[in-house]
Amino acid sequence: MAFALTFSFFVGVGVPVLIYSFTPTGLILVGVGLMLSLIFVSIALLAAVYTRDKAKGIGIAVLLWLYFSLIFDGLVLFILFQFADYPLEKPMLVLSALNPIDMGRILILLKMDVSALMGYTGAVFQSFFGTISGTVITIFVLIFWIFIPAGISLRKFKRKDL
């Protein structure tokens, strides 16, 4: 399943980007897209292993995707507005690591040099994620997002009574 989804993403997005925009930003876009495909396959496998009913597993996978793509950002904005009087630079870096979509989005935006459009948080992200070590840390966090849910689901599947 992971191979099919990553291959279809590569054919649909990767090939045109590599043909028409073979730049570091284009390569980062393709790499982040491939990693996000693998991340959500591993999260979906985790949801499928922990539920007995197929429909419930699909529903949980869709809700997790909805959480990571929309709800998480709303919660982060709520936290930012509630604690606006406090320095939240370091907690924002940690909160960003808890969402793979945000990590990918930040990495792509910083490689496009549009961090000025992100305001004060863009300056904070640029100071951390804009460096080589920040990019490497971001890639390792995304790799952890692939292997941790996949490892947990594989261990649960091996112990599962079929």
N, C-alpha and C. Protein backbone atom coordinates (compact mmCIF):
# COMPACT_ATOMS: atom_id res chain seq x y z
N MET A 1 0.82 -1.18 0.00
CA MET A 1 0.00 0.00 0.00
C MET A 1 0.88 1.26 0.00
N ALA A 2 1.91 1.25 0.83
CA ALA A 2 2.80 2.41 0.89
C ALA A 2 3.51 2.62 -0.45
N PHE A 3 3.93 1.52 -1.06
CA PHE A 3 4.61 1.64 -2.35
C PHE A 3 3.67 2.23 -3.40
N ALA A 4 2.43 1.76 -3.43
CA ALA A 4 1.47 2.24 -4.43
C ALA A 4 1.19 3.73 -4.24
N LEU A 5 1.00 4.16 -3.01
CA LEU A 5 0.70 5.57 -2.76
C LEU A 5 1.90 6.48 -3.04
N THR A 6 3.08 6.05 -2.63
CA THR A 6 4.25 6.88 -2.89
C THR A 6 4.59 6.91 -4.38
N PHE A 7 4.40 5.77 -5.05
CA PHE A 7 4.65 5.74 -6.50
C PHE A 7 3.67 6.64 -7.24
N SER A 8 2.38 6.60 -6.85
CA SER A 8 1.40 7.46 -7.52
C SER A 8 1.68 8.93 -7.23
N PHE A 9 2.11 9.25 -6.00
CA PHE A 9 2.48 10.63 -5.70
C PHE A 9 3.68 11.06 -6.54
N PHE A 10 4.66 10.18 -6.64
CA PHE A 10 5.86 10.52 -7.41
C PHE A 10 5.53 10.73 -8.88
N VAL A 11 4.67 9.89 -9.43
CA VAL A 11 4.31 10.04 -10.85
C VAL A 11 3.47 11.30 -11.05
N GLY A 12 2.53 11.56 -10.14
CA GLY A 12 1.64 12.70 -10.30
C GLY A 12 2.26 14.04 -9.97
N VAL A 13 3.12 14.08 -8.96
CA VAL A 13 3.70 15.35 -8.52
C VAL A 13 5.20 15.38 -8.80
N GLY A 14 5.88 14.30 -8.49
CA GLY A 14 7.34 14.28 -8.57
C GLY A 14 7.88 14.46 -9.97
N VAL A 15 7.32 13.74 -10.93
CA VAL A 15 7.82 13.83 -12.30
C VAL A 15 7.62 15.23 -12.87
N PRO A 16 6.42 15.84 -12.77
CA PRO A 16 6.29 17.21 -13.28
C PRO A 16 7.19 18.22 -12.56
N VAL A 17 7.33 18.07 -11.25
CA VAL A 17 8.20 19.00 -10.52
C VAL A 17 9.65 18.82 -10.95
N LEU A 18 10.08 17.58 -11.12
CA LEU A 18 11.45 17.34 -11.55
C LEU A 18 11.70 17.81 -12.98
N ILE A 19 10.69 17.78 -13.83
CA ILE A 19 10.85 18.24 -15.21
C ILE A 19 10.82 19.77 -15.28
N TYR A 20 9.84 20.40 -14.63
CA TYR A 20 9.64 21.83 -14.80
C TYR A 20 10.26 22.70 -13.71
N SER A 21 10.58 22.13 -12.57
CA SER A 21 11.14 22.94 -11.48
C SER A 21 12.18 22.13 -10.72
N PHE A 22 13.23 21.78 -11.39
CA PHE A 22 14.30 21.00 -10.77
C PHE A 22 15.20 21.93 -9.97
N THR A 23 14.68 22.34 -8.81
CA THR A 23 15.39 23.24 -7.91
C THR A 23 15.42 22.59 -6.53
N PRO A 24 16.21 23.11 -5.60
CA PRO A 24 16.18 22.56 -4.24
C PRO A 24 14.79 22.62 -3.61
N THR A 25 14.05 23.68 -3.89
CA THR A 25 12.69 23.78 -3.35
C THR A 25 11.79 22.70 -3.93
N GLY A 26 11.92 22.44 -5.22
CA GLY A 26 11.13 21.39 -5.85
C GLY A 26 11.48 20.01 -5.29
N LEU A 27 12.77 19.78 -5.07
CA LEU A 27 13.19 18.50 -4.48
C LEU A 27 12.67 18.34 -3.06
N ILE A 28 12.68 19.43 -2.29
CA ILE A 28 12.14 19.39 -0.93
C ILE A 28 10.64 19.11 -0.97
N LEU A 29 9.93 19.73 -1.91
CA LEU A 29 8.50 19.50 -2.06
C LEU A 29 8.20 18.03 -2.34
N VAL A 30 8.93 17.45 -3.26
CA VAL A 30 8.72 16.04 -3.59
C VAL A 30 9.09 15.15 -2.41
N GLY A 31 10.21 15.44 -1.76
CA GLY A 31 10.63 14.64 -0.61
C GLY A 31 9.64 14.70 0.54
N VAL A 32 9.15 15.90 0.85
CA VAL A 32 8.18 16.05 1.93
C VAL A 32 6.88 15.36 1.56
N GLY A 33 6.46 15.47 0.32
CA GLY A 33 5.23 14.79 -0.10
C GLY A 33 5.34 13.28 0.00
N LEU A 34 6.49 12.74 -0.39
CA LEU A 34 6.69 11.29 -0.27
C LEU A 34 6.70 10.87 1.20
N MET A 35 7.35 11.68 2.04
CA MET A 35 7.39 11.35 3.47
C MET A 35 6.00 11.44 4.10
N LEU A 36 5.22 12.44 3.73
CA LEU A 36 3.87 12.56 4.27
C LEU A 36 2.99 11.40 3.82
N SER A 37 3.19 10.93 2.60
CA SER A 37 2.44 9.75 2.15
C SER A 37 2.77 8.55 3.03
N LEU A 38 4.06 8.35 3.29
CA LEU A 38 4.46 7.22 4.14
C LEU A 38 3.99 7.41 5.59
N ILE A 39 4.01 8.63 6.08
CA ILE A 39 3.57 8.90 7.45
C ILE A 39 2.09 8.55 7.60
N PHE A 40 1.28 8.98 6.67
CA PHE A 40 -0.15 8.72 6.83
C PHE A 40 -0.52 7.28 6.51
N VAL A 41 0.28 6.58 5.73
CA VAL A 41 0.07 5.14 5.57
C VAL A 41 0.37 4.45 6.90
N SER A 42 1.45 4.83 7.56
CA SER A 42 1.79 4.18 8.83
C SER A 42 0.76 4.53 9.91
N ILE A 43 0.24 5.76 9.92
CA ILE A 43 -0.81 6.12 10.88
C ILE A 43 -2.09 5.35 10.58
N ALA A 44 -2.42 5.20 9.30
CA ALA A 44 -3.61 4.44 8.93
C ALA A 44 -3.46 2.96 9.31
N LEU A 45 -2.27 2.41 9.14
CA LEU A 45 -2.05 1.02 9.55
C LEU A 45 -2.19 0.88 11.06
N LEU A 46 -1.72 1.85 11.80
CA LEU A 46 -1.88 1.83 13.24
C LEU A 46 -3.35 1.86 13.63
N ALA A 47 -4.12 2.71 12.97
CA ALA A 47 -5.56 2.77 13.25
C ALA A 47 -6.25 1.47 12.87
N ALA A 48 -5.83 0.86 11.78
CA ALA A 48 -6.45 -0.39 11.33
C ALA A 48 -6.12 -1.55 12.26
N VAL A 49 -4.93 -1.56 12.81
CA VAL A 49 -4.54 -2.66 13.70
C VAL A 49 -5.26 -2.56 15.04
N TYR A 50 -5.51 -1.36 15.51
CA TYR A 50 -6.13 -1.21 16.82
C TYR A 50 -7.65 -1.31 16.80
N THR A 51 -8.26 -1.45 15.64
CA THR A 51 -9.71 -1.60 15.59
C THR A 51 -10.06 -2.93 14.93
N ARG A 52 -11.15 -3.52 15.37
CA ARG A 52 -11.59 -4.79 14.80
C ARG A 52 -12.50 -4.57 13.60
N ASP A 53 -13.27 -3.53 13.64
CA ASP A 53 -14.21 -3.23 12.57
C ASP A 53 -13.54 -2.39 11.49
N LYS A 54 -13.69 -2.80 10.23
CA LYS A 54 -13.04 -2.07 9.13
C LYS A 54 -13.56 -0.65 8.98
N ALA A 55 -14.86 -0.49 9.09
CA ALA A 55 -15.45 0.84 8.94
C ALA A 55 -14.98 1.77 10.06
N LYS A 56 -14.88 1.24 11.25
CA LYS A 56 -14.39 2.05 12.38
C LYS A 56 -12.93 2.43 12.16
N GLY A 57 -12.12 1.51 11.64
CA GLY A 57 -10.72 1.81 11.35
C GLY A 57 -10.57 2.89 10.30
N ILE A 58 -11.39 2.82 9.25
CA ILE A 58 -11.35 3.85 8.21
C ILE A 58 -11.78 5.19 8.79
N GLY A 59 -12.81 5.17 9.62
CA GLY A 59 -13.27 6.40 10.26
C GLY A 59 -12.22 7.02 11.16
N ILE A 60 -11.52 6.19 11.92
CA ILE A 60 -10.45 6.69 12.78
C ILE A 60 -9.32 7.27 11.95
N ALA A 61 -8.97 6.60 10.86
CA ALA A 61 -7.89 7.11 9.99
C ALA A 61 -8.28 8.46 9.39
N VAL A 62 -9.51 8.61 8.96
CA VAL A 62 -9.96 9.88 8.39
C VAL A 62 -9.99 10.96 9.47
N LEU A 63 -10.45 10.62 10.67
CA LEU A 63 -10.45 11.59 11.76
C LEU A 63 -9.04 12.01 12.15
N LEU A 64 -8.10 11.07 12.14
CA LEU A 64 -6.71 11.43 12.44
C LEU A 64 -6.16 12.36 11.38
N TRP A 65 -6.47 12.09 10.11
CA TRP A 65 -6.04 12.99 9.05
C TRP A 65 -6.65 14.37 9.24
N LEU A 66 -7.95 14.42 9.55
CA LEU A 66 -8.61 15.70 9.78
C LEU A 66 -7.99 16.43 10.97
N TYR A 67 -7.67 15.70 12.01
CA TYR A 67 -7.02 16.30 13.18
C TYR A 67 -5.69 16.92 12.79
N PHE A 68 -4.84 16.16 12.10
CA PHE A 68 -3.52 16.67 11.75
C PHE A 68 -3.57 17.80 10.73
N SER A 69 -4.55 17.80 9.84
CA SER A 69 -4.58 18.81 8.80
C SER A 69 -5.32 20.08 9.20
N LEU A 70 -6.33 19.99 10.08
CA LEU A 70 -7.11 21.18 10.42
C LEU A 70 -7.17 21.48 11.91
N ILE A 71 -7.59 20.51 12.69
CA ILE A 71 -7.90 20.75 14.10
C ILE A 71 -6.64 21.12 14.88
N PHE A 72 -5.52 20.47 14.61
CA PHE A 72 -4.29 20.74 15.34
C PHE A 72 -3.88 22.20 15.19
N ASP A 73 -3.97 22.74 13.98
CA ASP A 73 -3.61 24.14 13.75
C ASP A 73 -4.54 25.08 14.51
N GLY A 74 -5.81 24.74 14.57
CA GLY A 74 -6.75 25.55 15.35
C GLY A 74 -6.41 25.53 16.84
N LEU A 75 -6.04 24.37 17.35
CA LEU A 75 -5.65 24.28 18.76
C LEU A 75 -4.37 25.08 19.04
N VAL A 76 -3.42 25.02 18.12
CA VAL A 76 -2.18 25.79 18.29
C VAL A 76 -2.48 27.28 18.27
N LEU A 77 -3.34 27.73 17.36
CA LEU A 77 -3.71 29.14 17.32
C LEU A 77 -4.42 29.56 18.61
N PHE A 78 -5.27 28.69 19.13
CA PHE A 78 -5.95 28.98 20.39
C PHE A 78 -4.94 29.14 21.53
N ILE A 79 -3.97 28.25 21.58
CA ILE A 79 -2.92 28.34 22.61
C ILE A 79 -2.11 29.62 22.44
N LEU A 80 -1.80 29.96 21.19
CA LEU A 80 -1.03 31.19 20.94
C LEU A 80 -1.79 32.43 21.40
N PHE A 81 -3.08 32.48 21.14
CA PHE A 81 -3.86 33.66 21.55
C PHE A 81 -4.07 33.69 23.06
N GLN A 82 -4.23 32.55 23.67
CA GLN A 82 -4.44 32.52 25.12
C GLN A 82 -3.19 32.89 25.90
N PHE A 83 -2.04 32.51 25.40
CA PHE A 83 -0.78 32.77 26.08
C PHE A 83 0.08 33.77 25.32
N ALA A 84 -0.54 34.77 24.73
CA ALA A 84 0.17 35.74 23.90
C ALA A 84 1.15 36.58 24.72
N ASP A 85 0.93 36.70 26.01
CA ASP A 85 1.81 37.52 26.85
C ASP A 85 3.09 36.80 27.26
N TYR A 86 3.19 35.53 26.97
CA TYR A 86 4.34 34.73 27.39
C TYR A 86 5.22 34.39 26.20
N PRO A 87 6.51 34.17 26.44
CA PRO A 87 7.38 33.76 25.32
C PRO A 87 7.11 32.30 24.95
N LEU A 88 6.65 32.12 23.74
CA LEU A 88 6.25 30.78 23.29
C LEU A 88 7.10 30.26 22.15
N GLU A 89 8.31 30.78 21.98
CA GLU A 89 9.12 30.36 20.84
C GLU A 89 9.49 28.88 20.92
N LYS A 90 10.04 28.47 22.05
CA LYS A 90 10.47 27.07 22.19
C LYS A 90 9.28 26.11 22.25
N PRO A 91 8.21 26.44 22.99
CA PRO A 91 7.05 25.53 22.92
C PRO A 91 6.45 25.41 21.52
N MET A 92 6.53 26.49 20.72
CA MET A 92 6.02 26.41 19.34
C MET A 92 6.84 25.45 18.50
N LEU A 93 8.15 25.41 18.73
CA LEU A 93 8.99 24.46 18.00
C LEU A 93 8.61 23.04 18.36
N VAL A 94 8.34 22.80 19.64
CA VAL A 94 7.95 21.45 20.08
C VAL A 94 6.57 21.11 19.54
N LEU A 95 5.63 22.06 19.61
CA LEU A 95 4.28 21.80 19.08
C LEU A 95 4.32 21.53 17.58
N SER A 96 5.21 22.19 16.87
CA SER A 96 5.33 21.94 15.44
C SER A 96 5.81 20.53 15.16
N ALA A 97 6.66 20.02 16.02
CA ALA A 97 7.17 18.66 15.82
C ALA A 97 6.10 17.61 16.07
N LEU A 98 5.01 17.97 16.74
CA LEU A 98 3.94 17.02 17.01
C LEU A 98 2.98 16.86 15.84
N ASN A 99 3.18 17.60 14.78
CA ASN A 99 2.32 17.50 13.61
C ASN A 99 3.19 17.38 12.35
N PRO A 100 3.15 16.24 11.67
CA PRO A 100 4.00 16.07 10.49
C PRO A 100 3.64 17.00 9.34
N ILE A 101 2.38 17.36 9.22
CA ILE A 101 1.99 18.28 8.14
C ILE A 101 2.60 19.65 8.38
N ASP A 102 2.58 20.11 9.63
CA ASP A 102 3.20 21.40 9.93
C ASP A 102 4.71 21.38 9.70
N MET A 103 5.34 20.28 10.06
CA MET A 103 6.79 20.18 9.85
C MET A 103 7.10 20.29 8.36
N GLY A 104 6.36 19.58 7.54
CA GLY A 104 6.57 19.64 6.10
C GLY A 104 6.26 21.01 5.54
N ARG A 105 5.19 21.61 6.01
CA ARG A 105 4.81 22.94 5.53
C ARG A 105 5.88 23.98 5.89
N ILE A 106 6.38 23.92 7.11
CA ILE A 106 7.41 24.87 7.53
C ILE A 106 8.68 24.68 6.71
N LEU A 107 9.06 23.42 6.50
CA LEU A 107 10.27 23.15 5.73
C LEU A 107 10.16 23.68 4.31
N ILE A 108 9.02 23.48 3.68
CA ILE A 108 8.83 23.97 2.31
C ILE A 108 8.80 25.49 2.26
N LEU A 109 8.08 26.11 3.20
CA LEU A 109 8.00 27.57 3.20
C LEU A 109 9.35 28.22 3.44
N LEU A 110 10.15 27.63 4.31
CA LEU A 110 11.46 28.22 4.58
C LEU A 110 12.41 28.03 3.40
N LYS A 111 12.27 26.94 2.66
CA LYS A 111 13.11 26.76 1.48
C LYS A 111 12.67 27.66 0.33
N MET A 112 11.43 28.13 0.37
CA MET A 112 10.94 29.05 -0.65
C MET A 112 11.31 30.50 -0.32
N ASP A 113 11.92 30.74 0.82
CA ASP A 113 12.31 32.07 1.28
C ASP A 113 11.11 33.01 1.41
N VAL A 114 9.99 32.50 1.89
CA VAL A 114 8.83 33.33 2.14
C VAL A 114 8.54 33.39 3.64
N SER A 115 9.56 33.17 4.45
CA SER A 115 9.34 33.19 5.90
C SER A 115 8.97 34.59 6.39
N ALA A 116 9.27 35.61 5.60
CA ALA A 116 8.87 36.97 5.98
C ALA A 116 7.35 37.10 6.00
N LEU A 117 6.67 36.30 5.20
CA LEU A 117 5.21 36.34 5.18
C LEU A 117 4.61 35.69 6.43
N MET A 118 5.41 34.93 7.16
CA MET A 118 4.90 34.24 8.35
C MET A 118 5.01 35.11 9.60
N GLY A 119 5.56 36.32 9.51
CA GLY A 119 5.62 37.23 10.63
C GLY A 119 6.67 36.83 11.65
N TYR A 120 6.33 37.08 12.92
CA TYR A 120 7.28 36.81 14.00
C TYR A 120 7.59 35.33 14.12
N THR A 121 6.58 34.47 13.95
CA THR A 121 6.85 33.03 14.02
C THR A 121 7.75 32.59 12.88
N GLY A 122 7.65 33.27 11.74
CA GLY A 122 8.55 32.96 10.63
C GLY A 122 9.99 33.25 10.98
N ALA A 123 10.21 34.33 11.73
CA ALA A 123 11.58 34.64 12.16
C ALA A 123 12.10 33.59 13.13
N VAL A 124 11.23 33.12 14.03
CA VAL A 124 11.63 32.07 14.98
C VAL A 124 11.93 30.78 14.23
N PHE A 125 11.03 30.41 13.32
CA PHE A 125 11.24 29.19 12.54
C PHE A 125 12.47 29.30 11.65
N GLN A 126 12.70 30.49 11.08
CA GLN A 126 13.86 30.68 10.23
C GLN A 126 15.15 30.52 11.03
N SER A 127 15.15 31.00 12.26
CA SER A 127 16.37 30.90 13.07
C SER A 127 16.68 29.46 13.46
N PHE A 128 15.64 28.61 13.57
CA PHE A 128 15.89 27.21 13.93
C PHE A 128 15.87 26.30 12.72
N PHE A 129 14.75 26.30 11.98
CA PHE A 129 14.59 25.37 10.87
C PHE A 129 15.36 25.80 9.63
N GLY A 130 15.73 27.07 9.54
CA GLY A 130 16.42 27.57 8.36
C GLY A 130 17.87 27.13 8.28
N THR A 131 18.43 26.63 9.36
CA THR A 131 19.81 26.19 9.35
C THR A 131 19.90 24.75 8.84
N ILE A 132 21.10 24.31 8.55
CA ILE A 132 21.30 22.93 8.11
C ILE A 132 20.90 21.96 9.20
N SER A 133 21.30 22.27 10.45
CA SER A 133 20.95 21.36 11.55
C SER A 133 19.44 21.32 11.77
N GLY A 134 18.75 22.45 11.60
CA GLY A 134 17.30 22.46 11.73
C GLY A 134 16.63 21.64 10.64
N THR A 135 17.16 21.71 9.42
CA THR A 135 16.61 20.90 8.33
C THR A 135 16.83 19.42 8.60
N VAL A 136 18.00 19.07 9.10
CA VAL A 136 18.29 17.67 9.41
C VAL A 136 17.38 17.18 10.53
N ILE A 137 17.18 18.02 11.55
CA ILE A 137 16.29 17.64 12.65
C ILE A 137 14.86 17.45 12.13
N THR A 138 14.42 18.33 11.26
CA THR A 138 13.08 18.21 10.68
C THR A 138 12.94 16.91 9.91
N ILE A 139 13.93 16.56 9.12
CA ILE A 139 13.87 15.31 8.35
C ILE A 139 13.86 14.10 9.29
N PHE A 140 14.66 14.15 10.36
CA PHE A 140 14.64 13.05 11.32
C PHE A 140 13.31 12.94 12.05
N VAL A 141 12.69 14.07 12.37
CA VAL A 141 11.38 14.03 13.01
C VAL A 141 10.35 13.41 12.06
N LEU A 142 10.41 13.77 10.78
CA LEU A 142 9.49 13.16 9.81
C LEU A 142 9.76 11.67 9.66
N ILE A 143 11.02 11.27 9.72
CA ILE A 143 11.34 9.83 9.65
C ILE A 143 10.81 9.11 10.88
N PHE A 144 10.92 9.75 12.05
CA PHE A 144 10.34 9.15 13.25
C PHE A 144 8.84 9.01 13.12
N TRP A 145 8.18 9.99 12.46
CA TRP A 145 6.75 9.90 12.24
C TRP A 145 6.40 8.74 11.31
N ILE A 146 7.32 8.32 10.49
CA ILE A 146 7.08 7.15 9.64
C ILE A 146 7.25 5.87 10.44
N PHE A 147 8.36 5.76 11.15
CA PHE A 147 8.73 4.48 11.75
C PHE A 147 8.07 4.19 13.09
N ILE A 148 7.75 5.18 13.88
CA ILE A 148 7.14 4.90 15.18
C ILE A 148 5.73 4.32 15.04
N PRO A 149 4.80 4.95 14.29
CA PRO A 149 3.49 4.31 14.13
C PRO A 149 3.58 2.97 13.39
N ALA A 150 4.46 2.87 12.39
CA ALA A 150 4.60 1.61 11.66
C ALA A 150 5.17 0.52 12.57
N GLY A 151 6.12 0.86 13.41
CA GLY A 151 6.69 -0.12 14.34
C GLY A 151 5.68 -0.58 15.37
N ILE A 152 4.91 0.36 15.91
CA ILE A 152 3.88 -0.01 16.90
C ILE A 152 2.83 -0.89 16.26
N SER A 153 2.39 -0.54 15.05
CA SER A 153 1.37 -1.35 14.40
C SER A 153 1.91 -2.71 14.00
N LEU A 154 3.17 -2.79 13.59
CA LEU A 154 3.76 -4.09 13.25
C LEU A 154 3.86 -4.98 14.48
N ARG A 155 4.29 -4.41 15.61
CA ARG A 155 4.38 -5.19 16.85
C ARG A 155 3.00 -5.66 17.30
N LYS A 156 1.99 -4.80 17.20
CA LYS A 156 0.63 -5.17 17.58
C LYS A 156 0.08 -6.24 16.62
N PHE A 157 0.38 -6.12 15.33
CA PHE A 157 -0.10 -7.10 14.36
C PHE A 157 0.51 -8.47 14.58
N LYS A 158 1.80 -8.51 14.96
CA LYS A 158 2.45 -9.80 15.20
C LYS A 158 1.86 -10.50 16.41
N ARG A 159 1.40 -9.74 17.40
CA ARG A 159 0.81 -10.34 18.60
C ARG A 159 -0.67 -10.60 18.46
N LYS A 160 -1.30 -10.11 17.41
CA LYS A 160 -2.72 -10.21 17.24
C LYS A 160 -3.14 -11.62 16.88
N ASP A 161 -4.21 -12.09 17.49
CA ASP A 161 -4.76 -13.41 17.21
C ASP A 161 -5.67 -13.32 15.99
N LEU A 162 -5.22 -13.93 14.90
CA LEU A 162 -6.01 -13.86 13.67
C LEU A 162 -6.95 -15.03 13.64
